[in-house]
Amino acid sequence: MKEPKFFLVVRFWIAPGGAQQVMKWLEGGHIQEVMRQPGFISVRRLKLPEEDATGGWSAHCMLYGIESRAHYEQYLANQQLHAKFSKEREPFATKLRIERFAGEVDFSL
């Protein structure tokens, strides 16, 4: 397997009572669809050991390993795909908060 040279980190919080709906969406096809994008080579989901200060929202993180910045930029430019994801999130939009950041690997062991 290729080593990722770039990572997309999607940190998200789920409202109390919303985990089943959000995880069903993630595991029911969203993660697989992201992984079908050119250059995406690995994914991990983390359950973070923290709670949001506003009422017990659970914290999670997706780590997507990507071949290159160019593949990430290609993914970002896919407006049709992102519009689809946004529409899919509408039924639980009030139960989910998302923060994204990305960067190149500058050290690895």
Protein backbone atom coordinates (compact mmCIF):
# COMPACT_ATOMS: atom_id res chain seq x y z
CA MET A 1 0.00 0.00 0.00
CA LYS A 2 1.21 3.50 -0.81
CA GLU A 3 2.10 5.81 2.05
CA PRO A 4 -0.11 8.91 2.19
CA LYS A 5 1.75 12.16 1.60
CA PHE A 6 -1.24 14.32 2.52
CA PHE A 7 -4.02 14.06 5.11
CA LEU A 8 -7.54 15.43 5.34
CA VAL A 9 -8.71 15.62 8.95
CA VAL A 10 -12.45 15.94 9.54
CA ARG A 11 -13.22 16.62 13.17
CA PHE A 12 -16.89 16.40 14.08
CA TRP A 13 -19.22 16.52 17.05
CA ILE A 14 -22.52 14.70 17.36
CA ALA A 15 -25.38 15.91 19.55
CA PRO A 16 -26.76 13.61 22.23
CA GLY A 17 -29.19 11.22 20.57
CA GLY A 18 -27.77 11.81 17.08
CA ALA A 19 -25.01 9.20 16.92
CA GLN A 20 -27.06 6.41 15.33
CA GLN A 21 -28.26 8.59 12.46
CA VAL A 22 -24.86 10.15 11.77
CA MET A 23 -22.92 6.88 11.99
CA LYS A 24 -25.46 5.14 9.76
CA TRP A 25 -24.84 7.80 7.11
CA LEU A 26 -21.06 7.59 7.48
CA GLU A 27 -20.89 3.79 7.44
CA GLY A 28 -23.74 3.33 4.97
CA GLY A 29 -21.89 4.76 2.03
CA HIS A 30 -20.37 8.19 2.72
CA ILE A 31 -16.96 6.91 3.80
CA GLN A 32 -16.86 4.48 0.87
CA GLU A 33 -17.76 7.26 -1.57
CA VAL A 34 -14.99 9.50 -0.26
CA MET A 35 -12.54 6.60 -0.52
CA ARG A 36 -13.46 6.09 -4.19
CA GLN A 37 -12.08 9.54 -5.00
CA PRO A 38 -8.77 9.55 -6.89
CA GLY A 39 -5.77 9.44 -4.59
CA PHE A 40 -7.60 8.52 -1.37
CA ILE A 41 -5.76 5.50 0.04
CA SER A 42 -6.67 5.11 3.72
CA VAL A 43 -9.16 6.17 6.36
CA ARG A 44 -9.43 5.88 10.13
CA ARG A 45 -12.19 7.07 12.43
CA LEU A 46 -11.30 8.09 15.96
CA LYS A 47 -13.53 8.52 18.99
CA LEU A 48 -11.99 11.50 20.75
CA PRO A 49 -11.82 11.54 24.56
CA GLU A 50 -13.55 14.86 24.99
CA GLU A 51 -16.99 16.33 25.16
CA ASP A 52 -18.09 19.66 23.82
CA ALA A 53 -18.85 22.23 26.46
CA THR A 54 -22.37 22.68 25.11
CA GLY A 55 -24.27 19.73 26.43
CA GLY A 56 -22.35 16.52 25.99
CA TRP A 57 -21.79 16.37 22.25
CA SER A 58 -19.46 13.44 21.44
CA ALA A 59 -16.25 14.21 19.55
CA HIS A 60 -14.91 12.18 16.62
CA CYS A 61 -12.35 12.49 13.85
CA MET A 62 -11.85 11.02 10.39
CA LEU A 63 -8.27 10.78 9.09
CA TYR A 64 -8.13 10.38 5.33
CA GLY A 65 -4.72 9.49 3.86
CA ILE A 66 -4.27 10.89 0.37
CA GLU A 67 -1.52 10.36 -2.20
CA SER A 68 -0.85 14.05 -2.83
CA ARG A 69 -1.98 17.65 -2.42
CA ALA A 70 -3.05 17.56 -6.08
CA HIS A 71 -5.49 14.72 -5.34
CA TYR A 72 -6.84 16.66 -2.35
CA GLU A 73 -7.33 19.78 -4.48
CA GLN A 74 -9.11 17.69 -7.11
CA TYR A 75 -11.44 16.40 -4.38
CA LEU A 76 -12.06 19.95 -3.10
CA ALA A 77 -12.90 21.15 -6.61
CA ASN A 78 -15.64 18.53 -7.03
CA GLN A 79 -18.56 20.85 -6.28
CA GLN A 80 -21.15 18.30 -7.37
CA LEU A 81 -19.87 15.75 -4.85
CA HIS A 82 -19.78 18.28 -2.00
CA ALA A 83 -23.29 19.49 -2.83
CA LYS A 84 -24.46 15.86 -2.68
CA PHE A 85 -22.82 15.37 0.73
CA SER A 86 -24.37 18.60 2.02
CA LYS A 87 -27.84 17.49 0.90
CA GLU A 88 -27.35 14.07 2.53
CA ARG A 89 -26.50 15.78 5.85
CA GLU A 90 -29.63 17.95 5.86
CA PRO A 91 -31.82 15.52 7.89
CA PHE A 92 -29.37 15.64 10.81
CA ALA A 93 -27.73 19.04 10.26
CA THR A 94 -28.71 20.22 13.75
CA LYS A 95 -27.08 17.12 15.28
CA LEU A 96 -23.69 17.50 13.59
CA ARG A 97 -20.92 20.09 13.67
CA ILE A 98 -17.91 19.71 11.36
CA GLU A 99 -14.44 21.23 11.19
CA ARG A 100 -11.90 20.33 8.49
CA PHE A 101 -8.22 20.89 7.96
CA ALA A 102 -5.57 19.31 5.76
CA GLY A 103 -1.83 19.22 5.31
CA GLU A 104 1.21 17.52 3.88
CA VAL A 105 3.26 15.02 5.83
CA ASP A 106 6.54 16.64 6.80
CA PHE A 107 7.83 13.87 9.10
CA SER A 108 7.19 10.16 9.35
CA LEU A 109 8.76 7.18 11.17
